[in-house]
Amino acid sequence: MTHDEHEAQRNGKFKLRANGVLAKFLAIAAFFLIAEHKAHVLPFLPFVLLLACPLMHVFMHRGHGNHDDHDHRPPGDKP
């Protein structure tokens, strides 16, 4: 393993750990926001659910790459 590969692997582990820490922090913050401000947060929950759908679509499809290389020929055609 070269030095660059080792650094890339180490950076990937750091990013993964940092994302986990961020997710836990956001979960704790959301808990306290809801616990302390129920009267202010509850009316907005339907909008949060509606907003979650397009956000999940955008962020969960980023790993697909582009779809330019797909073959759009009918099943019986040969190249």
Protein backbone atom coordinates (compact mmCIF):
# COMPACT_ATOMS: atom_id res chain seq x y z
CA MET A 1 0.00 0.00 0.00
CA THR A 2 1.44 3.35 -1.01
CA HIS A 3 1.57 6.37 1.22
CA ASP A 4 -1.22 8.09 -0.76
CA GLU A 5 -3.51 5.07 -0.46
CA HIS A 6 -2.85 4.88 3.26
CA GLU A 7 -3.66 8.59 3.69
CA ALA A 8 -6.86 8.24 1.65
CA GLN A 9 -7.97 5.29 3.78
CA ARG A 10 -7.21 7.22 6.98
CA ASN A 11 -9.08 10.30 5.72
CA GLY A 12 -12.07 8.12 4.79
CA LYS A 13 -12.20 6.66 8.30
CA PHE A 14 -11.96 10.15 9.78
CA LYS A 15 -14.81 11.43 7.60
CA LEU A 16 -16.93 8.42 8.54
CA ARG A 17 -16.29 9.01 12.24
CA ALA A 18 -16.92 12.75 11.89
CA ASN A 19 -20.24 12.08 10.13
CA GLY A 20 -21.25 9.73 12.96
CA VAL A 21 -20.42 12.33 15.58
CA LEU A 22 -22.35 14.97 13.64
CA ALA A 23 -25.39 12.70 13.32
CA LYS A 24 -25.38 11.99 17.06
CA PHE A 25 -25.03 15.67 17.88
CA LEU A 26 -27.94 16.55 15.60
CA ALA A 27 -30.09 13.80 17.14
CA ILE A 28 -29.38 15.09 20.65
CA ALA A 29 -30.07 18.68 19.56
CA ALA A 30 -33.35 17.62 17.95
CA PHE A 31 -34.37 15.78 21.11
CA PHE A 32 -33.80 18.82 23.31
CA LEU A 33 -35.42 21.14 20.78
CA ILE A 34 -38.55 19.00 20.75
CA ALA A 35 -38.53 18.35 24.51
CA GLU A 36 -38.14 22.00 25.47
CA HIS A 37 -40.15 23.62 22.70
CA LYS A 38 -43.03 21.24 21.93
CA ALA A 39 -45.50 24.05 21.45
CA HIS A 40 -43.24 25.69 18.87
CA VAL A 41 -42.11 22.53 17.04
CA LEU A 42 -45.24 20.38 16.76
CA PRO A 43 -47.10 22.60 14.25
CA PHE A 44 -44.15 22.28 11.82
CA LEU A 45 -43.82 18.47 11.89
CA PRO A 46 -46.04 17.86 8.82
CA PHE A 47 -43.88 20.25 6.83
CA VAL A 48 -40.72 18.50 8.01
CA LEU A 49 -42.08 15.18 6.77
CA LEU A 50 -42.96 16.71 3.41
CA LEU A 51 -39.51 18.27 3.14
CA ALA A 52 -37.82 14.98 4.07
CA CYS A 53 -39.03 13.27 0.88
CA PRO A 54 -37.22 15.48 -1.67
CA LEU A 55 -34.19 15.83 0.59
CA MET A 56 -33.85 12.05 0.91
CA HIS A 57 -34.23 11.72 -2.86
CA VAL A 58 -31.46 14.26 -3.53
CA PHE A 59 -28.99 13.00 -0.95
CA MET A 60 -29.59 9.27 -1.34
CA HIS A 61 -29.24 9.29 -5.14
CA ARG A 62 -25.85 10.99 -5.24
CA GLY A 63 -24.04 7.65 -5.35
CA HIS A 64 -25.61 6.61 -8.65
CA GLY A 65 -23.24 8.57 -10.84
CA ASN A 66 -24.41 9.79 -14.20
CA HIS A 67 -26.69 7.66 -16.30
CA ASP A 68 -25.28 8.68 -19.70
CA ASP A 69 -23.70 5.29 -20.37
CA HIS A 70 -26.96 3.31 -20.18
CA ASP A 71 -27.96 1.42 -23.29
CA HIS A 72 -31.41 2.48 -24.48
CA ARG A 73 -31.85 -0.10 -27.27
CA PRO A 74 -34.77 -2.51 -27.36
CA PRO A 75 -33.95 -5.94 -25.84
CA GLY A 76 -33.67 -7.76 -29.22
CA ASP A 77 -31.25 -5.30 -30.89
CA LYS A 78 -27.54 -6.03 -31.03
CA PRO A 79 -24.83 -3.38 -30.99
